[in-house]
Amino acid sequence: MARGRMINTTIATDKRLADLPLEAELFFLKTIPHLDRDGLILGDASLLWARVCPRRPELLNQVAGYVELWIASGLVQAYDTPDGIALFFLKFTKNQAGLRYDREPASTIQCPPGYTRTITGLVQDRLLPVSGNPPAILRQSSGSLPAEEKLREVKLKEEKLKEVKRSKSELKVKPASLPPQAQVFIDNGGKWPTGKLTDGTSKRDRAIQWICERVTDDMSSLVLFGKVVAGYCAQWSPKSYTVMVNDYYLAGRVPGEPTQKGKGNGSGNYGISAFGGVINPANAPPTSEQIAEVQRARAETAARLAAAGRADLSEVQGNAVAGA
């Protein structure tokens, strides 16, 4: 892919861009340099954020909303592919004067519906030659279209409308309002419990609240929590969020990674403390507050497992204080 793309001066007077909120417009413009030669990019909110502005963590939860605004304004077409939602920037080719299509790597993203990939780029199906007939573009210039061609165009428009609606609903699956801790839990394979508690509270909402009360939202803490969730889900259950937090995150441990005494989570010379997500030198002895917090976490886990009828807690509890 090219190292950059052209930004046309017409952005200054483009009404669709001007109608977007300023941050949505800026994110749109920052995405253009990352498009492939067909003007395509994967539209998963987390992937898009990581590619376009990874140094702006405060925008992570806003990306899905930005994309919906782009789609609603007609700047972008969203459609489903085997790799997930893809975004097609509709005016990309028109605004890339001098694009050497044959000198850029081929797109790895499935072609948008209603288009065909040719040796010179994407072409709308209605402009391609139809077997036994002259090209559609020539028939249009004659001043009339056959009845079957009109019907074909109507069907194409209906299919595009269905694709847009389906894509918008897919984009809404991941709420933009999730706290960073909950977003990290979901992105790394975690799954929310279903149903409601006896007081009517949603188990999902309670889980989000519980996680946010114990996992801080600074970057170092979120990185550790992401490793814990991914490692735990790969080996055990994607729903055991209390075990992930109490027995691993708060103890600075990562499932599947060897933990040495004084080495925190095994990823370097620093570890996450048992409270507040503060990074401390690994060789510093645990404070009384840290020890108390880990013991509180172990006691909570013990009570929960005891309620489930599990008496032997030795393997779950481990040596959390010694490894803090």
C-alpha atoms as a PDB file:
ATOM      1  CA  MET A   1       0.000   0.000   0.000  1.00  0.00           C
ATOM      2  CA  ALA A   2       1.148   3.563  -0.699  1.00  0.00           C
ATOM      3  CA  ARG A   3       2.646   5.618   2.132  1.00  0.00           C
ATOM      4  CA  GLY A   4       0.058   8.339   1.590  1.00  0.00           C
ATOM      5  CA  ARG A   5      -2.975   9.497  -0.390  1.00  0.00           C
ATOM      6  CA  MET A   6      -4.111  12.726  -2.007  1.00  0.00           C
ATOM      7  CA  ILE A   7      -6.517  15.028  -0.190  1.00  0.00           C
ATOM      8  CA  ASN A   8      -8.490  17.063  -2.729  1.00  0.00           C
ATOM      9  CA  THR A   9      -9.127  20.776  -2.171  1.00  0.00           C
ATOM     10  CA  THR A  10     -12.861  20.078  -2.573  1.00  0.00           C
ATOM     11  CA  ILE A  11     -12.954  19.008   1.091  1.00  0.00           C
ATOM     12  CA  ALA A  12     -13.176  22.724   1.903  1.00  0.00           C
ATOM     13  CA  THR A  13     -16.652  23.020   0.333  1.00  0.00           C
ATOM     14  CA  ASP A  14     -17.938  19.456   0.665  1.00  0.00           C
ATOM     15  CA  LYS A  15     -21.302  19.789   2.460  1.00  0.00           C
ATOM     16  CA  ARG A  16     -21.340  16.189   3.657  1.00  0.00           C
ATOM     17  CA  LEU A  17     -18.009  16.665   5.432  1.00  0.00           C
ATOM     18  CA  ALA A  18     -19.079  20.030   6.822  1.00  0.00           C
ATOM     19  CA  ASP A  19     -22.205  18.455   8.346  1.00  0.00           C
ATOM     20  CA  LEU A  20     -20.104  15.979  10.362  1.00  0.00           C
ATOM     21  CA  PRO A  21     -18.956  16.773  13.913  1.00  0.00           C
ATOM     22  CA  LEU A  22     -15.376  18.049  13.833  1.00  0.00           C
ATOM     23  CA  GLU A  23     -13.848  14.904  15.372  1.00  0.00           C
ATOM     24  CA  ALA A  24     -15.750  12.626  12.954  1.00  0.00           C
ATOM     25  CA  GLU A  25     -14.516  14.748  10.020  1.00  0.00           C
ATOM     26  CA  LEU A  26     -10.917  14.662  11.263  1.00  0.00           C
ATOM     27  CA  PHE A  27     -11.033  10.901  11.777  1.00  0.00           C
ATOM     28  CA  PHE A  28     -12.442  10.497   8.242  1.00  0.00           C
ATOM     29  CA  LEU A  29      -9.560  12.500   6.748  1.00  0.00           C
ATOM     30  CA  LYS A  30      -6.958  10.636   8.847  1.00  0.00           C
ATOM     31  CA  THR A  31      -8.323   7.309   7.552  1.00  0.00           C
ATOM     32  CA  ILE A  32      -7.783   8.165   3.864  1.00  0.00           C
ATOM     33  CA  PRO A  33      -3.970   7.567   3.854  1.00  0.00           C
ATOM     34  CA  HIS A  34      -4.591   4.025   5.133  1.00  0.00           C
ATOM     35  CA  LEU A  35      -6.966   2.944   2.328  1.00  0.00           C
ATOM     36  CA  ASP A  36      -5.839   0.306  -0.167  1.00  0.00           C
ATOM     37  CA  ARG A  37      -5.803   0.951  -3.919  1.00  0.00           C
ATOM     38  CA  ASP A  38      -9.564   0.301  -4.155  1.00  0.00           C
ATOM     39  CA  GLY A  39     -10.431   2.734  -1.345  1.00  0.00           C
ATOM     40  CA  LEU A  40     -11.231  -0.085   1.109  1.00  0.00           C
ATOM     41  CA  ILE A  41     -10.417  -0.693   4.782  1.00  0.00           C
ATOM     42  CA  LEU A  42     -11.757  -3.046   7.462  1.00  0.00           C
ATOM     43  CA  GLY A  43     -14.359  -1.255   9.584  1.00  0.00           C
ATOM     44  CA  ASP A  44     -14.098  -3.001  12.947  1.00  0.00           C
ATOM     45  CA  ALA A  45     -13.963  -0.103  15.413  1.00  0.00           C
ATOM     46  CA  SER A  46     -11.000  -1.428  17.419  1.00  0.00           C
ATOM     47  CA  LEU A  47      -8.927  -2.277  14.333  1.00  0.00           C
ATOM     48  CA  LEU A  48      -9.730   1.071  12.727  1.00  0.00           C
ATOM     49  CA  TRP A  49      -8.695   2.977  15.861  1.00  0.00           C
ATOM     50  CA  ALA A  50      -5.463   0.993  16.210  1.00  0.00           C
ATOM     51  CA  ARG A  51      -4.525   1.737  12.601  1.00  0.00           C
ATOM     52  CA  VAL A  52      -5.552   5.384  12.306  1.00  0.00           C
ATOM     53  CA  CYS A  53      -4.851   6.984  15.700  1.00  0.00           C
ATOM     54  CA  PRO A  54      -3.371   4.500  18.234  1.00  0.00           C
ATOM     55  CA  ARG A  55      -1.955   7.363  20.309  1.00  0.00           C
ATOM     56  CA  ARG A  56      -5.407   8.782  21.019  1.00  0.00           C
ATOM     57  CA  PRO A  57      -6.946   6.251  23.475  1.00  0.00           C
ATOM     58  CA  GLU A  58      -9.762   8.683  24.317  1.00  0.00           C
ATOM     59  CA  LEU A  59     -11.188   8.177  20.804  1.00  0.00           C
ATOM     60  CA  LEU A  60     -11.408   4.360  20.985  1.00  0.00           C
ATOM     61  CA  ASN A  61     -15.016   4.302  22.180  1.00  0.00           C
ATOM     62  CA  GLN A  62     -16.082   6.974  19.663  1.00  0.00           C
ATOM     63  CA  VAL A  63     -14.954   5.254  16.437  1.00  0.00           C
ATOM     64  CA  ALA A  64     -18.109   3.169  15.878  1.00  0.00           C
ATOM     65  CA  GLY A  65     -20.209   6.343  16.157  1.00  0.00           C
ATOM     66  CA  TYR A  66     -17.988   8.153  13.655  1.00  0.00           C
ATOM     67  CA  VAL A  67     -18.394   5.329  11.127  1.00  0.00           C
ATOM     68  CA  GLU A  68     -22.180   5.399  11.464  1.00  0.00           C
ATOM     69  CA  LEU A  69     -22.131   9.127  10.701  1.00  0.00           C
ATOM     70  CA  TRP A  70     -19.995   8.526   7.601  1.00  0.00           C
ATOM     71  CA  ILE A  71     -22.440   5.912   6.346  1.00  0.00           C
ATOM     72  CA  ALA A  72     -25.482   8.087   7.032  1.00  0.00           C
ATOM     73  CA  SER A  73     -23.891  11.004   5.139  1.00  0.00           C
ATOM     74  CA  GLY A  74     -23.206   8.901   2.029  1.00  0.00           C
ATOM     75  CA  LEU A  75     -19.419   9.252   2.250  1.00  0.00           C
ATOM     76  CA  VAL A  76     -18.838   5.565   2.926  1.00  0.00           C
ATOM     77  CA  GLN A  77     -20.516   2.279   2.045  1.00  0.00           C
ATOM     78  CA  ALA A  78     -20.311  -0.474   4.680  1.00  0.00           C
ATOM     79  CA  TYR A  79     -20.739  -4.140   3.749  1.00  0.00           C
ATOM     80  CA  ASP A  80     -20.097  -7.566   5.195  1.00  0.00           C
ATOM     81  CA  THR A  81     -17.062  -9.690   4.238  1.00  0.00           C
ATOM     82  CA  PRO A  82     -15.557 -12.947   5.536  1.00  0.00           C
ATOM     83  CA  ASP A  83     -13.101 -10.764   7.506  1.00  0.00           C
ATOM     84  CA  GLY A  84     -15.845  -8.624   9.055  1.00  0.00           C
ATOM     85  CA  ILE A  85     -17.332  -5.244   8.170  1.00  0.00           C
ATOM     86  CA  ALA A  86     -15.517  -3.406   5.341  1.00  0.00           C
ATOM     87  CA  LEU A  87     -15.758   0.280   4.454  1.00  0.00           C
ATOM     88  CA  PHE A  88     -15.705   1.576   0.852  1.00  0.00           C
ATOM     89  CA  PHE A  89     -14.826   5.270   0.460  1.00  0.00           C
ATOM     90  CA  LEU A  90     -17.053   6.051  -2.515  1.00  0.00           C
ATOM     91  CA  LYS A  91     -15.138   9.007  -4.022  1.00  0.00           C
ATOM     92  CA  PHE A  92     -11.667   7.571  -3.413  1.00  0.00           C
ATOM     93  CA  THR A  93     -10.698   6.816  -7.026  1.00  0.00           C
ATOM     94  CA  LYS A  94     -12.074  10.135  -8.310  1.00  0.00           C
ATOM     95  CA  ASN A  95      -9.907  12.089  -5.871  1.00  0.00           C
ATOM     96  CA  GLN A  96      -6.674  10.098  -6.391  1.00  0.00           C
ATOM     97  CA  ALA A  97      -5.262  11.763  -9.501  1.00  0.00           C
ATOM     98  CA  GLY A  98      -2.216   9.916 -10.806  1.00  0.00           C
ATOM     99  CA  LEU A  99      -2.893   6.714  -8.858  1.00  0.00           C
ATOM    100  CA  ARG A 100      -0.795   3.908 -10.403  1.00  0.00           C
ATOM    101  CA  TYR A 101      -3.235   1.089  -9.810  1.00  0.00           C
ATOM    102  CA  ASP A 102      -0.977  -1.564 -11.365  1.00  0.00           C
ATOM    103  CA  ARG A 103       1.970  -0.636  -9.116  1.00  0.00           C
ATOM    104  CA  GLU A 104       0.197  -1.072  -5.778  1.00  0.00           C
ATOM    105  CA  PRO A 105      -0.469  -4.362  -3.947  1.00  0.00           C
ATOM    106  CA  ALA A 106      -3.827  -5.931  -4.734  1.00  0.00           C
ATOM    107  CA  SER A 107      -6.578  -5.403  -2.193  1.00  0.00           C
ATOM    108  CA  THR A 108      -7.095  -8.266   0.245  1.00  0.00           C
ATOM    109  CA  ILE A 109     -10.648  -7.140   1.044  1.00  0.00           C
ATOM    110  CA  GLN A 110     -13.676  -8.572  -0.737  1.00  0.00           C
ATOM    111  CA  CYS A 111     -15.079  -6.388  -3.520  1.00  0.00           C
ATOM    112  CA  PRO A 112     -18.070  -4.202  -2.483  1.00  0.00           C
ATOM    113  CA  PRO A 113     -21.520  -5.358  -3.669  1.00  0.00           C
ATOM    114  CA  GLY A 114     -22.505  -3.899  -7.051  1.00  0.00           C
ATOM    115  CA  TYR A 115     -18.864  -3.547  -8.154  1.00  0.00           C
ATOM    116  CA  THR A 116     -16.405  -5.702 -10.084  1.00  0.00           C
ATOM    117  CA  ARG A 117     -12.629  -5.578  -9.694  1.00  0.00           C
ATOM    118  CA  THR A 118     -10.873  -5.047 -13.050  1.00  0.00           C
ATOM    119  CA  ILE A 119      -7.220  -4.504 -14.034  1.00  0.00           C
ATOM    120  CA  THR A 120      -7.769  -0.738 -13.755  1.00  0.00           C
ATOM    121  CA  GLY A 121      -9.830  -0.662 -10.560  1.00  0.00           C
ATOM    122  CA  LEU A 122     -13.375  -1.115  -9.263  1.00  0.00           C
ATOM    123  CA  VAL A 123     -16.164  -0.662 -11.830  1.00  0.00           C
ATOM    124  CA  GLN A 124     -19.894  -0.577 -11.093  1.00  0.00           C
ATOM    125  CA  ASP A 125     -21.630  -3.647 -12.489  1.00  0.00           C
ATOM    126  CA  ARG A 126     -24.159  -1.544 -14.383  1.00  0.00           C
ATOM    127  CA  LEU A 127     -21.307   0.001 -16.411  1.00  0.00           C
ATOM    128  CA  LEU A 128     -19.839  -3.341 -17.460  1.00  0.00           C
ATOM    129  CA  PRO A 129     -20.668  -4.911 -20.869  1.00  0.00           C
ATOM    130  CA  VAL A 130     -23.672  -7.245 -20.800  1.00  0.00           C
ATOM    131  CA  SER A 131     -23.403 -10.427 -22.869  1.00  0.00           C
ATOM    132  CA  GLY A 132     -24.840  -9.858 -26.351  1.00  0.00           C
ATOM    133  CA  ASN A 133     -25.437  -6.126 -25.752  1.00  0.00           C
ATOM    134  CA  PRO A 134     -23.305  -2.953 -25.905  1.00  0.00           C
ATOM    135  CA  PRO A 135     -21.986  -1.545 -22.609  1.00  0.00           C
ATOM    136  CA  ALA A 136     -24.566   0.008 -20.294  1.00  0.00           C
ATOM    137  CA  ILE A 137     -22.840   3.386 -20.445  1.00  0.00           C
ATOM    138  CA  LEU A 138     -23.429   3.518 -24.223  1.00  0.00           C
ATOM    139  CA  ARG A 139     -27.057   2.534 -23.905  1.00  0.00           C
ATOM    140  CA  GLN A 140     -27.589   5.387 -21.464  1.00  0.00           C
ATOM    141  CA  SER A 141     -26.218   7.923 -23.951  1.00  0.00           C
ATOM    142  CA  SER A 142     -28.803   6.859 -26.558  1.00  0.00           C
ATOM    143  CA  GLY A 143     -31.530   8.428 -24.405  1.00  0.00           C
ATOM    144  CA  SER A 144     -33.367   5.232 -23.377  1.00  0.00           C
ATOM    145  CA  LEU A 145     -32.759   2.051 -21.388  1.00  0.00           C
ATOM    146  CA  PRO A 146     -34.310  -1.377 -22.031  1.00  0.00           C
ATOM    147  CA  ALA A 147     -36.936  -2.433 -19.512  1.00  0.00           C
ATOM    148  CA  GLU A 148     -34.755  -5.275 -18.254  1.00  0.00           C
ATOM    149  CA  GLU A 149     -31.860  -2.871 -17.631  1.00  0.00           C
ATOM    150  CA  LYS A 150     -34.078  -0.580 -15.566  1.00  0.00           C
ATOM    151  CA  LEU A 151     -35.271  -3.584 -13.540  1.00  0.00           C
ATOM    152  CA  ARG A 152     -31.664  -4.641 -12.970  1.00  0.00           C
ATOM    153  CA  GLU A 153     -30.747  -1.189 -11.672  1.00  0.00           C
ATOM    154  CA  VAL A 154     -33.723  -1.191  -9.294  1.00  0.00           C
ATOM    155  CA  LYS A 155     -32.658  -4.560  -7.912  1.00  0.00           C
ATOM    156  CA  LEU A 156     -29.074  -3.352  -7.460  1.00  0.00           C
ATOM    157  CA  LYS A 157     -30.266  -0.315  -5.509  1.00  0.00           C
ATOM    158  CA  GLU A 158     -32.441  -2.511  -3.303  1.00  0.00           C
ATOM    159  CA  GLU A 159     -29.509  -4.840  -2.604  1.00  0.00           C
ATOM    160  CA  LYS A 160     -27.241  -1.905  -1.728  1.00  0.00           C
ATOM    161  CA  LEU A 161     -29.860  -0.527   0.662  1.00  0.00           C
ATOM    162  CA  LYS A 162     -30.143  -3.914   2.383  1.00  0.00           C
ATOM    163  CA  GLU A 163     -26.346  -4.133   2.692  1.00  0.00           C
ATOM    164  CA  VAL A 164     -26.129  -0.676   4.268  1.00  0.00           C
ATOM    165  CA  LYS A 165     -28.880  -1.470   6.790  1.00  0.00           C
ATOM    166  CA  ARG A 166     -27.284  -4.804   7.682  1.00  0.00           C
ATOM    167  CA  SER A 167     -23.844  -3.206   8.012  1.00  0.00           C
ATOM    168  CA  LYS A 168     -25.171  -0.440  10.273  1.00  0.00           C
ATOM    169  CA  SER A 169     -26.794  -3.003  12.535  1.00  0.00           C
ATOM    170  CA  GLU A 170     -23.505  -4.938  12.689  1.00  0.00           C
ATOM    171  CA  LEU A 171     -21.620  -1.807  13.682  1.00  0.00           C
ATOM    172  CA  LYS A 172     -24.046  -1.220  16.550  1.00  0.00           C
ATOM    173  CA  VAL A 173     -23.326  -4.609  18.086  1.00  0.00           C
ATOM    174  CA  LYS A 174     -20.339  -3.141  19.930  1.00  0.00           C
ATOM    175  CA  PRO A 175     -21.629  -0.156  21.926  1.00  0.00           C
ATOM    176  CA  ALA A 176     -19.537   2.992  21.672  1.00  0.00           C
ATOM    177  CA  SER A 177     -20.344   3.828  25.300  1.00  0.00           C
ATOM    178  CA  LEU A 178     -18.538   0.898  26.947  1.00  0.00           C
ATOM    179  CA  PRO A 179     -15.887   1.916  29.509  1.00  0.00           C
ATOM    180  CA  PRO A 180     -12.306   1.105  28.405  1.00  0.00           C
ATOM    181  CA  GLN A 181     -12.008  -1.751  30.936  1.00  0.00           C
ATOM    182  CA  ALA A 182     -15.195  -3.414  29.603  1.00  0.00           C
ATOM    183  CA  GLN A 183     -14.131  -2.826  25.991  1.00  0.00           C
ATOM    184  CA  VAL A 184     -10.790  -4.528  26.641  1.00  0.00           C
ATOM    185  CA  PHE A 185     -12.644  -7.477  28.243  1.00  0.00           C
ATOM    186  CA  ILE A 186     -14.831  -7.956  25.146  1.00  0.00           C
ATOM    187  CA  ASP A 187     -12.040  -7.355  22.605  1.00  0.00           C
ATOM    188  CA  ASN A 188      -9.902 -10.084  24.151  1.00  0.00           C
ATOM    189  CA  GLY A 189     -12.565 -12.802  24.126  1.00  0.00           C
ATOM    190  CA  GLY A 190     -14.513 -12.179  27.314  1.00  0.00           C
ATOM    191  CA  LYS A 191     -18.270 -12.763  27.369  1.00  0.00           C
ATOM    192  CA  TRP A 192     -20.896 -11.159  29.592  1.00  0.00           C
ATOM    193  CA  PRO A 193     -23.186 -13.284  31.754  1.00  0.00           C
ATOM    194  CA  THR A 194     -26.837 -13.304  30.708  1.00  0.00           C
ATOM    195  CA  GLY A 195     -30.031 -12.841  32.687  1.00  0.00           C
ATOM    196  CA  LYS A 196     -30.787 -10.724  35.733  1.00  0.00           C
ATOM    197  CA  LEU A 197     -30.002 -10.721  39.428  1.00  0.00           C
ATOM    198  CA  THR A 198     -32.708 -11.114  42.065  1.00  0.00           C
ATOM    199  CA  ASP A 199     -33.001  -7.329  42.390  1.00  0.00           C
ATOM    200  CA  GLY A 200     -33.671  -7.018  38.653  1.00  0.00           C
ATOM    201  CA  THR A 201     -30.216  -5.679  37.765  1.00  0.00           C
ATOM    202  CA  SER A 202     -28.761  -6.985  34.519  1.00  0.00           C
ATOM    203  CA  LYS A 203     -25.896  -9.415  35.133  1.00  0.00           C
ATOM    204  CA  ARG A 204     -24.043  -7.788  32.236  1.00  0.00           C
ATOM    205  CA  ASP A 205     -24.340  -4.313  33.778  1.00  0.00           C
ATOM    206  CA  ARG A 206     -23.274  -5.621  37.172  1.00  0.00           C
ATOM    207  CA  ALA A 207     -20.231  -7.321  35.614  1.00  0.00           C
ATOM    208  CA  ILE A 208     -19.183  -4.082  33.887  1.00  0.00           C
ATOM    209  CA  GLN A 209     -19.560  -2.134  37.129  1.00  0.00           C
ATOM    210  CA  TRP A 210     -17.643  -4.797  39.079  1.00  0.00           C
ATOM    211  CA  ILE A 211     -14.734  -4.811  36.616  1.00  0.00           C
ATOM    212  CA  CYS A 212     -14.526  -0.996  36.466  1.00  0.00           C
ATOM    213  CA  GLU A 213     -14.384  -0.800  40.273  1.00  0.00           C
ATOM    214  CA  ARG A 214     -11.245  -2.964  40.321  1.00  0.00           C
ATOM    215  CA  VAL A 215      -9.453  -2.396  36.996  1.00  0.00           C
ATOM    216  CA  THR A 216      -8.082   1.102  36.419  1.00  0.00           C
ATOM    217  CA  ASP A 217      -8.334   2.727  32.985  1.00  0.00           C
ATOM    218  CA  ASP A 218      -4.707   3.812  32.514  1.00  0.00           C
ATOM    219  CA  MET A 219      -2.913   2.277  29.510  1.00  0.00           C
ATOM    220  CA  SER A 220      -0.511   0.041  31.489  1.00  0.00           C
ATOM    221  CA  SER A 221      -3.387  -1.404  33.494  1.00  0.00           C
ATOM    222  CA  LEU A 222      -5.511  -2.005  30.377  1.00  0.00           C
ATOM    223  CA  VAL A 223      -2.619  -3.767  28.628  1.00  0.00           C
ATOM    224  CA  LEU A 224      -2.180  -6.133  31.583  1.00  0.00           C
ATOM    225  CA  PHE A 225      -5.923  -6.766  31.845  1.00  0.00           C
ATOM    226  CA  GLY A 226      -6.098  -7.512  28.115  1.00  0.00           C
ATOM    227  CA  LYS A 227      -3.352 -10.120  28.455  1.00  0.00           C
ATOM    228  CA  VAL A 228      -5.093 -11.676  31.452  1.00  0.00           C
ATOM    229  CA  VAL A 229      -8.462 -11.942  29.659  1.00  0.00           C
ATOM    230  CA  ALA A 230      -6.952 -13.315  26.423  1.00  0.00           C
ATOM    231  CA  GLY A 231      -4.867 -15.877  28.286  1.00  0.00           C
ATOM    232  CA  TYR A 232      -7.681 -16.977  30.597  1.00  0.00           C
ATOM    233  CA  CYS A 233     -10.238 -17.273  27.763  1.00  0.00           C
ATOM    234  CA  ALA A 234      -7.812 -19.360  25.703  1.00  0.00           C
ATOM    235  CA  GLN A 235      -7.455 -21.894  28.526  1.00  0.00           C
ATOM    236  CA  TRP A 236     -10.671 -21.727  30.540  1.00  0.00           C
ATOM    237  CA  SER A 237     -13.950 -19.815  30.552  1.00  0.00           C
ATOM    238  CA  PRO A 238     -14.632 -16.456  28.806  1.00  0.00           C
ATOM    239  CA  LYS A 239     -17.219 -15.608  31.487  1.00  0.00           C
ATOM    240  CA  SER A 240     -15.179 -15.983  34.701  1.00  0.00           C
ATOM    241  CA  TYR A 241     -14.412 -12.295  34.996  1.00  0.00           C
ATOM    242  CA  THR A 242     -14.126 -12.360  38.807  1.00  0.00           C
ATOM    243  CA  VAL A 243     -11.364 -14.982  38.671  1.00  0.00           C
ATOM    244  CA  MET A 244      -9.566 -13.048  35.919  1.00  0.00           C
ATOM    245  CA  VAL A 245      -9.551  -9.903  38.056  1.00  0.00           C
ATOM    246  CA  ASN A 246      -9.034 -11.325  41.552  1.00  0.00           C
ATOM    247  CA  ASP A 247      -6.632 -14.196  40.920  1.00  0.00           C
ATOM    248  CA  TYR A 248      -4.664 -12.807  37.988  1.00  0.00           C
ATOM    249  CA  TYR A 249      -4.990  -9.061  37.297  1.00  0.00           C
ATOM    250  CA  LEU A 250      -4.790  -7.920  40.937  1.00  0.00           C
ATOM    251  CA  ALA A 251      -1.951 -10.379  41.563  1.00  0.00           C
ATOM    252  CA  GLY A 252      -0.039  -9.223  38.472  1.00  0.00           C
ATOM    253  CA  ARG A 253      -0.247 -12.668  36.854  1.00  0.00           C
ATOM    254  CA  VAL A 254      -0.999 -13.609  33.228  1.00  0.00           C
ATOM    255  CA  PRO A 255      -2.477 -17.064  32.484  1.00  0.00           C
ATOM    256  CA  GLY A 256      -0.067 -19.194  30.494  1.00  0.00           C
ATOM    257  CA  GLU A 257       2.973 -17.029  31.285  1.00  0.00           C
ATOM    258  CA  PRO A 258       5.527 -18.151  33.891  1.00  0.00           C
ATOM    259  CA  THR A 259       5.556 -15.881  36.952  1.00  0.00           C
ATOM    260  CA  GLN A 260       8.748 -15.554  38.936  1.00  0.00           C
ATOM    261  CA  LYS A 261       8.987 -14.082  42.376  1.00  0.00           C
ATOM    262  CA  GLY A 262       9.671 -10.389  42.118  1.00  0.00           C
ATOM    263  CA  LYS A 263       8.853 -10.287  38.390  1.00  0.00           C
ATOM    264  CA  GLY A 264       5.240  -9.145  38.492  1.00  0.00           C
ATOM    265  CA  ASN A 265       3.347 -10.574  35.520  1.00  0.00           C
ATOM    266  CA  GLY A 266       6.456 -11.974  33.900  1.00  0.00           C
ATOM    267  CA  SER A 267       6.509  -9.364  31.105  1.00  0.00           C
ATOM    268  CA  GLY A 268       9.388  -7.236  32.458  1.00  0.00           C
ATOM    269  CA  ASN A 269      10.783  -5.620  35.561  1.00  0.00           C
ATOM    270  CA  TYR A 270       7.556  -3.924  36.518  1.00  0.00           C
ATOM    271  CA  GLY A 271       4.172  -5.132  37.665  1.00  0.00           C
ATOM    272  CA  ILE A 272       0.674  -3.821  38.397  1.00  0.00           C
ATOM    273  CA  SER A 273       0.038  -3.409  42.091  1.00  0.00           C
ATOM    274  CA  ALA A 274      -2.956  -5.010  43.733  1.00  0.00           C
ATOM    275  CA  PHE A 275      -4.714  -1.702  44.044  1.00  0.00           C
ATOM    276  CA  GLY A 276      -5.044   1.390  41.869  1.00  0.00           C
ATOM    277  CA  GLY A 277      -3.129  -0.034  38.869  1.00  0.00           C
ATOM    278  CA  VAL A 278       0.053   1.782  40.009  1.00  0.00           C
ATOM    279  CA  ILE A 279       3.256   0.522  38.417  1.00  0.00           C
ATOM    280  CA  ASN A 280       5.935  -0.253  41.040  1.00  0.00           C
ATOM    281  CA  PRO A 281       9.465  -1.615  40.641  1.00  0.00           C
ATOM    282  CA  ALA A 282       9.303  -5.378  40.793  1.00  0.00           C
ATOM    283  CA  ASN A 283      11.989  -5.584  43.452  1.00  0.00           C
ATOM    284  CA  ALA A 284      10.057  -3.335  45.859  1.00  0.00           C
ATOM    285  CA  PRO A 285       8.441  -5.338  48.701  1.00  0.00           C
ATOM    286  CA  PRO A 286       4.641  -5.270  48.755  1.00  0.00           C
ATOM    287  CA  THR A 287       3.105  -2.680  51.028  1.00  0.00           C
ATOM    288  CA  SER A 288       0.625  -3.548  53.746  1.00  0.00           C
ATOM    289  CA  GLU A 289      -2.143  -1.977  51.643  1.00  0.00           C
ATOM    290  CA  GLN A 290      -1.223  -4.204  48.681  1.00  0.00           C
ATOM    291  CA  ILE A 291      -1.153  -7.321  50.815  1.00  0.00           C
ATOM    292  CA  ALA A 292      -4.515  -6.429  52.367  1.00  0.00           C
ATOM    293  CA  GLU A 293      -6.062  -5.901  48.939  1.00  0.00           C
ATOM    294  CA  VAL A 294      -4.797  -9.238  47.599  1.00  0.00           C
ATOM    295  CA  GLN A 295      -6.046 -11.004  50.726  1.00  0.00           C
ATOM    296  CA  ARG A 296      -9.421  -9.314  50.270  1.00  0.00           C
ATOM    297  CA  ALA A 297      -9.528 -10.488  46.663  1.00  0.00           C
ATOM    298  CA  ARG A 298      -8.641 -14.059  47.686  1.00  0.00           C
ATOM    299  CA  ALA A 299     -11.303 -14.056  50.389  1.00  0.00           C
ATOM    300  CA  GLU A 300     -13.914 -12.847  47.916  1.00  0.00           C
ATOM    301  CA  THR A 301     -12.966 -15.586  45.447  1.00  0.00           C
ATOM    302  CA  ALA A 302     -13.046 -18.191  48.218  1.00  0.00           C
ATOM    303  CA  ALA A 303     -16.542 -17.124  49.248  1.00  0.00           C
ATOM    304  CA  ARG A 304     -17.779 -17.242  45.674  1.00  0.00           C
ATOM    305  CA  LEU A 305     -16.346 -20.707  44.982  1.00  0.00           C
ATOM    306  CA  ALA A 306     -17.581 -22.000  48.335  1.00  0.00           C
ATOM    307  CA  ALA A 307     -21.083 -20.892  47.393  1.00  0.00           C
ATOM    308  CA  ALA A 308     -20.740 -22.943  44.208  1.00  0.00           C
ATOM    309  CA  GLY A 309     -19.915 -26.039  46.273  1.00  0.00           C
ATOM    310  CA  ARG A 310     -16.151 -26.078  45.729  1.00  0.00           C
ATOM    311  CA  ALA A 311     -14.294 -26.668  48.978  1.00  0.00           C
ATOM    312  CA  ASP A 312     -10.756 -27.072  47.672  1.00  0.00           C
ATOM    313  CA  LEU A 313      -9.514 -23.571  46.817  1.00  0.00           C
ATOM    314  CA  SER A 314      -5.791 -24.178  47.001  1.00  0.00           C
ATOM    315  CA  GLU A 315      -5.128 -24.188  43.258  1.00  0.00           C
ATOM    316  CA  VAL A 316      -7.274 -21.139  42.575  1.00  0.00           C
ATOM    317  CA  GLN A 317      -5.830 -18.997  45.321  1.00  0.00           C
ATOM    318  CA  GLY A 318      -2.154 -19.745  44.597  1.00  0.00           C
ATOM    319  CA  ASN A 319       0.564 -17.699  46.176  1.00  0.00           C
ATOM    320  CA  ALA A 320      -0.829 -14.240  45.251  1.00  0.00           C
ATOM    321  CA  VAL A 321       0.815 -12.260  48.048  1.00  0.00           C
ATOM    322  CA  ALA A 322       4.270 -13.773  47.434  1.00  0.00           C
ATOM    323  CA  GLY A 323       4.079 -12.843  43.748  1.00  0.00           C
ATOM    324  CA  ALA A 324       2.712  -9.292  44.290  1.00  0.00           C
END
